[in-house]
Amino acid sequence: MYIFDLTYQKPLNEVDALLPAHIAYLDRHYQSGAFICSGRKNPRTGGVILCRAETPEAARAILEEDPFYCQGIADYKVTEFVPSKFAAGFACFAEA
């Protein structure tokens, strides 16, 4: 599992201009089962995506499809982690 930690590098008006394309990207990866959750940081300086991928390379390939990445809107920090303890409702994600 991977955490994509996005930090905006452009003004919010540029972020907002690409938001529909970014949402389409999110929707595509929710449908594929790769994304578990996502959302904005508060204050609005970026966002976080929780991603399931088999390898770091697969996670990176998914990340590089994001319009925010392609257009240089955000910097990305990727952290791989292995859930070892989780709520019962999360088991289907953690054990996949």
PDB file of N, CA and C in Angstrom:
ATOM      1  N   MET A   1       0.847  -1.158   0.000  1.00  0.00           N
ATOM      2  CA  MET A   1       0.000   0.000   0.000  1.00  0.00           C
ATOM      3  C   MET A   1       0.899   1.229   0.000  1.00  0.00           C
ATOM      4  N   TYR A   2       0.401   2.303  -0.581  1.00  0.00           N
ATOM      5  CA  TYR A   2       1.202   3.511  -0.748  1.00  0.00           C
ATOM      6  C   TYR A   2       0.383   4.735  -0.372  1.00  0.00           C
ATOM      7  N   ILE A   3       1.058   5.693   0.227  1.00  0.00           N
ATOM      8  CA  ILE A   3       0.467   7.001   0.487  1.00  0.00           C
ATOM      9  C   ILE A   3       1.084   7.972  -0.506  1.00  0.00           C
ATOM     10  N   PHE A   4       0.242   8.620  -1.300  1.00  0.00           N
ATOM     11  CA  PHE A   4       0.686   9.702  -2.172  1.00  0.00           C
ATOM     12  C   PHE A   4       0.371  11.004  -1.427  1.00  0.00           C
ATOM     13  N   ASP A   5       1.393  11.733  -1.077  1.00  0.00           N
ATOM     14  CA  ASP A   5       1.248  13.002  -0.353  1.00  0.00           C
ATOM     15  C   ASP A   5       1.578  14.122  -1.335  1.00  0.00           C
ATOM     16  N   LEU A   6       0.543  14.836  -1.778  1.00  0.00           N
ATOM     17  CA  LEU A   6       0.695  15.897  -2.766  1.00  0.00           C
ATOM     18  C   LEU A   6       0.831  17.244  -2.071  1.00  0.00           C
ATOM     19  N   THR A   7       1.755  18.056  -2.570  1.00  0.00           N
ATOM     20  CA  THR A   7       1.898  19.433  -2.103  1.00  0.00           C
ATOM     21  C   THR A   7       1.843  20.335  -3.330  1.00  0.00           C
ATOM     22  N   TYR A   8       0.866  21.243  -3.331  1.00  0.00           N
ATOM     23  CA  TYR A   8       0.706  22.140  -4.471  1.00  0.00           C
ATOM     24  C   TYR A   8       1.927  23.027  -4.647  1.00  0.00           C
ATOM     25  N   GLN A   9       2.308  23.217  -5.900  1.00  0.00           N
ATOM     26  CA  GLN A   9       3.416  24.085  -6.268  1.00  0.00           C
ATOM     27  C   GLN A   9       2.945  25.296  -7.067  1.00  0.00           C
ATOM     28  N   LYS A  10       1.669  25.321  -7.384  1.00  0.00           N
ATOM     29  CA  LYS A  10       1.075  26.407  -8.177  1.00  0.00           C
ATOM     30  C   LYS A  10      -0.056  27.044  -7.384  1.00  0.00           C
ATOM     31  N   PRO A  11      -0.484  28.234  -7.768  1.00  0.00           N
ATOM     32  CA  PRO A  11      -1.607  28.896  -7.088  1.00  0.00           C
ATOM     33  C   PRO A  11      -2.905  28.087  -7.228  1.00  0.00           C
ATOM     34  N   LEU A  12      -3.814  28.288  -6.278  1.00  0.00           N
ATOM     35  CA  LEU A  12      -5.063  27.522  -6.270  1.00  0.00           C
ATOM     36  C   LEU A  12      -5.893  27.708  -7.527  1.00  0.00           C
ATOM     37  N   ASN A  13      -5.799  28.857  -8.188  1.00  0.00           N
ATOM     38  CA  ASN A  13      -6.566  29.015  -9.433  1.00  0.00           C
ATOM     39  C   ASN A  13      -6.076  28.044 -10.507  1.00  0.00           C
ATOM     40  N   GLU A  14      -4.793  27.720 -10.515  1.00  0.00           N
ATOM     41  CA  GLU A  14      -4.261  26.727 -11.456  1.00  0.00           C
ATOM     42  C   GLU A  14      -4.646  25.311 -11.026  1.00  0.00           C
ATOM     43  N   VAL A  15      -4.666  25.076  -9.727  1.00  0.00           N
ATOM     44  CA  VAL A  15      -5.136  23.789  -9.204  1.00  0.00           C
ATOM     45  C   VAL A  15      -6.584  23.579  -9.624  1.00  0.00           C
ATOM     46  N   ASP A  16      -7.423  24.580  -9.383  1.00  0.00           N
ATOM     47  CA  ASP A  16      -8.848  24.473  -9.689  1.00  0.00           C
ATOM     48  C   ASP A  16      -9.111  24.279 -11.178  1.00  0.00           C
ATOM     49  N   ALA A  17      -8.277  24.862 -12.027  1.00  0.00           N
ATOM     50  CA  ALA A  17      -8.462  24.711 -13.473  1.00  0.00           C
ATOM     51  C   ALA A  17      -8.280  23.257 -13.906  1.00  0.00           C
ATOM     52  N   LEU A  18      -7.434  22.505 -13.213  1.00  0.00           N
ATOM     53  CA  LEU A  18      -7.200  21.099 -13.555  1.00  0.00           C
ATOM     54  C   LEU A  18      -8.008  20.132 -12.701  1.00  0.00           C
ATOM     55  N   LEU A  19      -8.805  20.656 -11.790  1.00  0.00           N
ATOM     56  CA  LEU A  19      -9.551  19.792 -10.878  1.00  0.00           C
ATOM     57  C   LEU A  19     -10.476  18.795 -11.585  1.00  0.00           C
ATOM     58  N   PRO A  20     -11.226  19.185 -12.633  1.00  0.00           N
ATOM     59  CA  PRO A  20     -12.066  18.187 -13.309  1.00  0.00           C
ATOM     60  C   PRO A  20     -11.250  17.014 -13.883  1.00  0.00           C
ATOM     61  N   ALA A  21     -10.096  17.288 -14.457  1.00  0.00           N
ATOM     62  CA  ALA A  21      -9.256  16.213 -14.997  1.00  0.00           C
ATOM     63  C   ALA A  21      -8.693  15.356 -13.869  1.00  0.00           C
ATOM     64  N   HIS A  22      -8.336  15.994 -12.752  1.00  0.00           N
ATOM     65  CA  HIS A  22      -7.824  15.254 -11.596  1.00  0.00           C
ATOM     66  C   HIS A  22      -8.918  14.346 -11.024  1.00  0.00           C
ATOM     67  N   ILE A  23     -10.143  14.847 -10.941  1.00  0.00           N
ATOM     68  CA  ILE A  23     -11.257  14.042 -10.434  1.00  0.00           C
ATOM     69  C   ILE A  23     -11.529  12.862 -11.357  1.00  0.00           C
ATOM     70  N   ALA A  24     -11.439  13.061 -12.666  1.00  0.00           N
ATOM     71  CA  ALA A  24     -11.615  11.952 -13.612  1.00  0.00           C
ATOM     72  C   ALA A  24     -10.530  10.895 -13.394  1.00  0.00           C
ATOM     73  N   TYR A  25      -9.302  11.324 -13.151  1.00  0.00           N
ATOM     74  CA  TYR A  25      -8.186  10.419 -12.833  1.00  0.00           C
ATOM     75  C   TYR A  25      -8.502   9.630 -11.563  1.00  0.00           C
ATOM     76  N   LEU A  26      -8.959  10.324 -10.512  1.00  0.00           N
ATOM     77  CA  LEU A  26      -9.322   9.641  -9.271  1.00  0.00           C
ATOM     78  C   LEU A  26     -10.416   8.610  -9.524  1.00  0.00           C
ATOM     79  N   ASP A  27     -11.469   9.015 -10.231  1.00  0.00           N
ATOM     80  CA  ASP A  27     -12.592   8.114 -10.513  1.00  0.00           C
ATOM     81  C   ASP A  27     -12.131   6.852 -11.237  1.00  0.00           C
ATOM     82  N   ARG A  28     -11.247   7.025 -12.205  1.00  0.00           N
ATOM     83  CA  ARG A  28     -10.735   5.883 -12.980  1.00  0.00           C
ATOM     84  C   ARG A  28     -10.029   4.888 -12.055  1.00  0.00           C
ATOM     85  N   HIS A  29      -9.252   5.386 -11.127  1.00  0.00           N
ATOM     86  CA  HIS A  29      -8.497   4.483 -10.253  1.00  0.00           C
ATOM     87  C   HIS A  29      -9.326   3.961  -9.083  1.00  0.00           C
ATOM     88  N   TYR A  30     -10.389   4.653  -8.698  1.00  0.00           N
ATOM     89  CA  TYR A  30     -11.340   4.057  -7.753  1.00  0.00           C
ATOM     90  C   TYR A  30     -12.049   2.884  -8.425  1.00  0.00           C
ATOM     91  N   GLN A  31     -12.437   3.048  -9.675  1.00  0.00           N
ATOM     92  CA  GLN A  31     -13.122   1.977 -10.400  1.00  0.00           C
ATOM     93  C   GLN A  31     -12.226   0.763 -10.585  1.00  0.00           C
ATOM     94  N   SER A  32     -10.936   0.981 -10.763  1.00  0.00           N
ATOM     95  CA  SER A  32     -10.010  -0.138 -10.953  1.00  0.00           C
ATOM     96  C   SER A  32      -9.678  -0.836  -9.637  1.00  0.00           C
ATOM     97  N   GLY A  33     -10.001  -0.188  -8.505  1.00  0.00           N
ATOM     98  CA  GLY A  33      -9.690  -0.750  -7.196  1.00  0.00           C
ATOM     99  C   GLY A  33      -8.344  -0.310  -6.644  1.00  0.00           C
ATOM    100  N   ALA A  34      -7.629   0.537  -7.368  1.00  0.00           N
ATOM    101  CA  ALA A  34      -6.312   0.974  -6.918  1.00  0.00           C
ATOM    102  C   ALA A  34      -6.399   2.001  -5.785  1.00  0.00           C
ATOM    103  N   PHE A  35      -7.412   2.860  -5.800  1.00  0.00           N
ATOM    104  CA  PHE A  35      -7.516   3.897  -4.786  1.00  0.00           C
ATOM    105  C   PHE A  35      -8.508   3.491  -3.712  1.00  0.00           C
ATOM    106  N   ILE A  36      -8.117   3.759  -2.464  1.00  0.00           N
ATOM    107  CA  ILE A  36      -8.941   3.422  -1.305  1.00  0.00           C
ATOM    108  C   ILE A  36      -9.609   4.667  -0.743  1.00  0.00           C
ATOM    109  N   CYS A  37      -8.864   5.751  -0.638  1.00  0.00           N
ATOM    110  CA  CYS A  37      -9.438   7.019  -0.203  1.00  0.00           C
ATOM    111  C   CYS A  37      -8.530   8.157  -0.660  1.00  0.00           C
ATOM    112  N   SER A  38      -9.103   9.343  -0.674  1.00  0.00           N
ATOM    113  CA  SER A  38      -8.340  10.524  -1.092  1.00  0.00           C
ATOM    114  C   SER A  38      -9.029  11.758  -0.543  1.00  0.00           C
ATOM    115  N   GLY A  39      -8.290  12.850  -0.479  1.00  0.00           N
ATOM    116  CA  GLY A  39      -8.899  14.095  -0.033  1.00  0.00           C
ATOM    117  C   GLY A  39      -7.889  15.216   0.079  1.00  0.00           C
ATOM    118  N   ARG A  40      -8.410  16.394   0.310  1.00  0.00           N
ATOM    119  CA  ARG A  40      -7.603  17.611   0.453  1.00  0.00           C
ATOM    120  C   ARG A  40      -6.983  17.674   1.841  1.00  0.00           C
ATOM    121  N   LYS A  41      -5.843  18.332   1.908  1.00  0.00           N
ATOM    122  CA  LYS A  41      -5.268  18.687   3.197  1.00  0.00           C
ATOM    123  C   LYS A  41      -5.994  19.929   3.706  1.00  0.00           C
ATOM    124  N   ASN A  42      -5.959  20.123   4.998  1.00  0.00           N
ATOM    125  CA  ASN A  42      -6.535  21.315   5.607  1.00  0.00           C
ATOM    126  C   ASN A  42      -5.478  21.937   6.505  1.00  0.00           C
ATOM    127  N   PRO A  43      -4.934  23.103   6.152  1.00  0.00           N
ATOM    128  CA  PRO A  43      -5.356  23.998   5.079  1.00  0.00           C
ATOM    129  C   PRO A  43      -5.055  23.396   3.699  1.00  0.00           C
ATOM    130  N   ARG A  44      -5.656  23.992   2.689  1.00  0.00           N
ATOM    131  CA  ARG A  44      -5.615  23.452   1.331  1.00  0.00           C
ATOM    132  C   ARG A  44      -4.258  23.711   0.663  1.00  0.00           C
ATOM    133  N   THR A  45      -3.300  22.888   1.032  1.00  0.00           N
ATOM    134  CA  THR A  45      -1.943  22.982   0.482  1.00  0.00           C
ATOM    135  C   THR A  45      -1.601  21.788  -0.395  1.00  0.00           C
ATOM    136  N   GLY A  46      -2.541  20.877  -0.556  1.00  0.00           N
ATOM    137  CA  GLY A  46      -2.306  19.663  -1.332  1.00  0.00           C
ATOM    138  C   GLY A  46      -3.353  18.628  -0.979  1.00  0.00           C
ATOM    139  N   GLY A  47      -2.980  17.358  -1.120  1.00  0.00           N
ATOM    140  CA  GLY A  47      -3.916  16.286  -0.849  1.00  0.00           C
ATOM    141  C   GLY A  47      -3.183  14.997  -0.535  1.00  0.00           C
ATOM    142  N   VAL A  48      -3.973  13.972  -0.233  1.00  0.00           N
ATOM    143  CA  VAL A  48      -3.448  12.659   0.095  1.00  0.00           C
ATOM    144  C   VAL A  48      -4.291  11.617  -0.626  1.00  0.00           C
ATOM    145  N   ILE A  49      -3.616  10.601  -1.177  1.00  0.00           N
ATOM    146  CA  ILE A  49      -4.290   9.476  -1.818  1.00  0.00           C
ATOM    147  C   ILE A  49      -3.720   8.202  -1.217  1.00  0.00           C
ATOM    148  N   LEU A  50      -4.599   7.290  -0.815  1.00  0.00           N
ATOM    149  CA  LEU A  50      -4.188   5.973  -0.348  1.00  0.00           C
ATOM    150  C   LEU A  50      -4.382   5.005  -1.509  1.00  0.00           C
ATOM    151  N   CYS A  51      -3.290   4.379  -1.932  1.00  0.00           N
ATOM    152  CA  CYS A  51      -3.262   3.588  -3.161  1.00  0.00           C
ATOM    153  C   CYS A  51      -2.815   2.151  -2.897  1.00  0.00           C
ATOM    154  N   ARG A  52      -3.489   1.212  -3.546  1.00  0.00           N
ATOM    155  CA  ARG A  52      -3.054  -0.178  -3.552  1.00  0.00           C
ATOM    156  C   ARG A  52      -2.338  -0.435  -4.862  1.00  0.00           C
ATOM    157  N   ALA A  53      -1.139  -0.953  -4.787  1.00  0.00           N
ATOM    158  CA  ALA A  53      -0.389  -1.338  -5.989  1.00  0.00           C
ATOM    159  C   ALA A  53       0.533  -2.486  -5.599  1.00  0.00           C
ATOM    160  N   GLU A  54       0.859  -3.324  -6.565  1.00  0.00           N
ATOM    161  CA  GLU A  54       1.681  -4.503  -6.297  1.00  0.00           C
ATOM    162  C   GLU A  54       3.149  -4.166  -6.071  1.00  0.00           C
ATOM    163  N   THR A  55       3.632  -3.136  -6.741  1.00  0.00           N
ATOM    164  CA  THR A  55       5.053  -2.804  -6.680  1.00  0.00           C
ATOM    165  C   THR A  55       5.222  -1.286  -6.623  1.00  0.00           C
ATOM    166  N   PRO A  56       6.388  -0.833  -6.187  1.00  0.00           N
ATOM    167  CA  PRO A  56       6.637   0.610  -6.241  1.00  0.00           C
ATOM    168  C   PRO A  56       6.536   1.157  -7.663  1.00  0.00           C
ATOM    169  N   GLU A  57       6.953   0.374  -8.621  1.00  0.00           N
ATOM    170  CA  GLU A  57       6.881   0.816 -10.028  1.00  0.00           C
ATOM    171  C   GLU A  57       5.434   0.967 -10.474  1.00  0.00           C
ATOM    172  N   ALA A  58       4.573   0.055 -10.058  1.00  0.00           N
ATOM    173  CA  ALA A  58       3.151   0.155 -10.409  1.00  0.00           C
ATOM    174  C   ALA A  58       2.527   1.382  -9.756  1.00  0.00           C
ATOM    175  N   ALA A  59       2.880   1.637  -8.503  1.00  0.00           N
ATOM    176  CA  ALA A  59       2.369   2.832  -7.815  1.00  0.00           C
ATOM    177  C   ALA A  59       2.835   4.091  -8.544  1.00  0.00           C
ATOM    178  N   ARG A  60       4.094   4.117  -8.923  1.00  0.00           N
ATOM    179  CA  ARG A  60       4.653   5.277  -9.624  1.00  0.00           C
ATOM    180  C   ARG A  60       3.953   5.499 -10.969  1.00  0.00           C
ATOM    181  N   ALA A  61       3.657   4.412 -11.682  1.00  0.00           N
ATOM    182  CA  ALA A  61       2.961   4.525 -12.968  1.00  0.00           C
ATOM    183  C   ALA A  61       1.571   5.134 -12.785  1.00  0.00           C
ATOM    184  N   ILE A  62       0.881   4.748 -11.723  1.00  0.00           N
ATOM    185  CA  ILE A  62      -0.438   5.319 -11.430  1.00  0.00           C
ATOM    186  C   ILE A  62      -0.299   6.806 -11.113  1.00  0.00           C
ATOM    187  N   LEU A  63       0.640   7.145 -10.271  1.00  0.00           N
ATOM    188  CA  LEU A  63       0.876   8.536  -9.881  1.00  0.00           C
ATOM    189  C   LEU A  63       1.149   9.409 -11.111  1.00  0.00           C
ATOM    190  N   GLU A  64       1.945   8.901 -12.021  1.00  0.00           N
ATOM    191  CA  GLU A  64       2.353   9.695 -13.186  1.00  0.00           C
ATOM    192  C   GLU A  64       1.227   9.948 -14.179  1.00  0.00           C
ATOM    193  N   GLU A  65       0.070   9.324 -13.987  1.00  0.00           N
ATOM    194  CA  GLU A  65      -1.108   9.603 -14.816  1.00  0.00           C
ATOM    195  C   GLU A  65      -1.889  10.824 -14.326  1.00  0.00           C
ATOM    196  N   ASP A  66      -1.620  11.252 -13.108  1.00  0.00           N
ATOM    197  CA  ASP A  66      -2.370  12.361 -12.515  1.00  0.00           C
ATOM    198  C   ASP A  66      -2.093  13.652 -13.288  1.00  0.00           C
ATOM    199  N   PRO A  67      -3.135  14.327 -13.745  1.00  0.00           N
ATOM    200  CA  PRO A  67      -2.926  15.613 -14.420  1.00  0.00           C
ATOM    201  C   PRO A  67      -2.161  16.620 -13.555  1.00  0.00           C
ATOM    202  N   PHE A  68      -2.330  16.562 -12.244  1.00  0.00           N
ATOM    203  CA  PHE A  68      -1.564  17.447 -11.369  1.00  0.00           C
ATOM    204  C   PHE A  68      -0.067  17.155 -11.489  1.00  0.00           C
ATOM    205  N   TYR A  69       0.287  15.902 -11.659  1.00  0.00           N
ATOM    206  CA  TYR A  69       1.690  15.524 -11.853  1.00  0.00           C
ATOM    207  C   TYR A  69       2.164  15.964 -13.242  1.00  0.00           C
ATOM    208  N   CYS A  70       1.375  15.628 -14.254  1.00  0.00           N
ATOM    209  CA  CYS A  70       1.757  15.918 -15.643  1.00  0.00           C
ATOM    210  C   CYS A  70       1.955  17.415 -15.896  1.00  0.00           C
ATOM    211  N   GLN A  71       1.170  18.231 -15.222  1.00  0.00           N
ATOM    212  CA  GLN A  71       1.224  19.686 -15.430  1.00  0.00           C
ATOM    213  C   GLN A  71       2.080  20.407 -14.386  1.00  0.00           C
ATOM    214  N   GLY A  72       2.746  19.666 -13.511  1.00  0.00           N
ATOM    215  CA  GLY A  72       3.614  20.283 -12.515  1.00  0.00           C
ATOM    216  C   GLY A  72       2.869  21.065 -11.448  1.00  0.00           C
ATOM    217  N   ILE A  73       1.609  20.712 -11.221  1.00  0.00           N
ATOM    218  CA  ILE A  73       0.795  21.409 -10.228  1.00  0.00           C
ATOM    219  C   ILE A  73       1.224  21.047  -8.806  1.00  0.00           C
ATOM    220  N   ALA A  74       1.651  19.781  -8.628  1.00  0.00           N
ATOM    221  CA  ALA A  74       1.983  19.313  -7.279  1.00  0.00           C
ATOM    222  C   ALA A  74       3.277  18.511  -7.284  1.00  0.00           C
ATOM    223  N   ASP A  75       3.959  18.550  -6.148  1.00  0.00           N
ATOM    224  CA  ASP A  75       5.050  17.626  -5.864  1.00  0.00           C
ATOM    225  C   ASP A  75       4.460  16.448  -5.116  1.00  0.00           C
ATOM    226  N   TYR A  76       5.088  15.293  -5.249  1.00  0.00           N
ATOM    227  CA  TYR A  76       4.565  14.064  -4.659  1.00  0.00           C
ATOM    228  C   TYR A  76       5.614  13.404  -3.780  1.00  0.00           C
ATOM    229  N   LYS A  77       5.203  13.038  -2.594  1.00  0.00           N
ATOM    230  CA  LYS A  77       6.012  12.188  -1.733  1.00  0.00           C
ATOM    231  C   LYS A  77       5.266  10.857  -1.664  1.00  0.00           C
ATOM    232  N   VAL A  78       5.958   9.759  -1.944  1.00  0.00           N
ATOM    233  CA  VAL A  78       5.341   8.438  -1.933  1.00  0.00           C
ATOM    234  C   VAL A  78       5.944   7.646  -0.783  1.00  0.00           C
ATOM    235  N   THR A  79       5.059   7.114   0.058  1.00  0.00           N
ATOM    236  CA  THR A  79       5.484   6.297   1.187  1.00  0.00           C
ATOM    237  C   THR A  79       4.821   4.935   1.074  1.00  0.00           C
ATOM    238  N   GLU A  80       5.628   3.891   1.053  1.00  0.00           N
ATOM    239  CA  GLU A  80       5.089   2.531   1.061  1.00  0.00           C
ATOM    240  C   GLU A  80       4.932   2.092   2.508  1.00  0.00           C
ATOM    241  N   PHE A  81       3.823   1.424   2.805  1.00  0.00           N
ATOM    242  CA  PHE A  81       3.660   0.866   4.140  1.00  0.00           C
ATOM    243  C   PHE A  81       2.866  -0.430   4.080  1.00  0.00           C
ATOM    244  N   VAL A  82       3.048  -1.242   5.093  1.00  0.00           N
ATOM    245  CA  VAL A  82       2.354  -2.524   5.216  1.00  0.00           C
ATOM    246  C   VAL A  82       1.465  -2.438   6.448  1.00  0.00           C
ATOM    247  N   PRO A  83       0.144  -2.395   6.257  1.00  0.00           N
ATOM    248  CA  PRO A  83      -0.736  -2.330   7.416  1.00  0.00           C
ATOM    249  C   PRO A  83      -0.583  -3.594   8.269  1.00  0.00           C
ATOM    250  N   SER A  84      -0.346  -3.413   9.549  1.00  0.00           N
ATOM    251  CA  SER A  84      -0.231  -4.559  10.442  1.00  0.00           C
ATOM    252  C   SER A  84      -1.372  -4.605  11.454  1.00  0.00           C
ATOM    253  N   LYS A  85      -2.060  -3.510  11.631  1.00  0.00           N
ATOM    254  CA  LYS A  85      -3.209  -3.445  12.520  1.00  0.00           C
ATOM    255  C   LYS A  85      -4.198  -2.476  11.892  1.00  0.00           C
ATOM    256  N   PHE A  86      -5.477  -2.862  11.899  1.00  0.00           N
ATOM    257  CA  PHE A  86      -6.479  -2.043  11.232  1.00  0.00           C
ATOM    258  C   PHE A  86      -7.870  -2.418  11.722  1.00  0.00           C
ATOM    259  N   ALA A  87      -8.827  -1.510  11.538  1.00  0.00           N
ATOM    260  CA  ALA A  87     -10.224  -1.749  11.891  1.00  0.00           C
ATOM    261  C   ALA A  87     -10.786  -2.864  11.018  1.00  0.00           C
ATOM    262  N   ALA A  88     -11.752  -3.580  11.547  1.00  0.00           N
ATOM    263  CA  ALA A  88     -12.329  -4.722  10.827  1.00  0.00           C
ATOM    264  C   ALA A  88     -12.818  -4.335   9.434  1.00  0.00           C
ATOM    265  N   GLY A  89     -13.425  -3.185   9.295  1.00  0.00           N
ATOM    266  CA  GLY A  89     -13.940  -2.761   7.995  1.00  0.00           C
ATOM    267  C   GLY A  89     -12.862  -2.465   6.973  1.00  0.00           C
ATOM    268  N   PHE A  90     -11.639  -2.332   7.420  1.00  0.00           N
ATOM    269  CA  PHE A  90     -10.519  -2.030   6.530  1.00  0.00           C
ATOM    270  C   PHE A  90      -9.816  -3.292   6.041  1.00  0.00           C
ATOM    271  N   ALA A  91     -10.152  -4.434   6.600  1.00  0.00           N
ATOM    272  CA  ALA A  91      -9.453  -5.683   6.296  1.00  0.00           C
ATOM    273  C   ALA A  91      -9.458  -6.010   4.801  1.00  0.00           C
ATOM    274  N   CYS A  92     -10.545  -5.746   4.119  1.00  0.00           N
ATOM    275  CA  CYS A  92     -10.623  -6.065   2.687  1.00  0.00           C
ATOM    276  C   CYS A  92      -9.604  -5.270   1.885  1.00  0.00           C
ATOM    277  N   PHE A  93      -9.194  -4.114   2.365  1.00  0.00           N
ATOM    278  CA  PHE A  93      -8.181  -3.323   1.685  1.00  0.00           C
ATOM    279  C   PHE A  93      -6.766  -3.729   2.114  1.00  0.00           C
ATOM    280  N   ALA A  94      -6.586  -3.957   3.375  1.00  0.00           N
ATOM    281  CA  ALA A  94      -5.266  -4.242   3.920  1.00  0.00           C
ATOM    282  C   ALA A  94      -4.747  -5.611   3.510  1.00  0.00           C
ATOM    283  N   GLU A  95      -5.651  -6.552   3.293  1.00  0.00           N
ATOM    284  CA  GLU A  95      -5.239  -7.917   2.980  1.00  0.00           C
ATOM    285  C   GLU A  95      -5.232  -8.205   1.496  1.00  0.00           C
ATOM    286  N   ALA A  96      -5.624  -7.258   0.688  1.00  0.00           N
ATOM    287  CA  ALA A  96      -5.691  -7.504  -0.766  1.00  0.00           C
ATOM    288  C   ALA A  96      -4.313  -7.569  -1.377  1.00  0.00           C
TER     289      ALA A  96
END
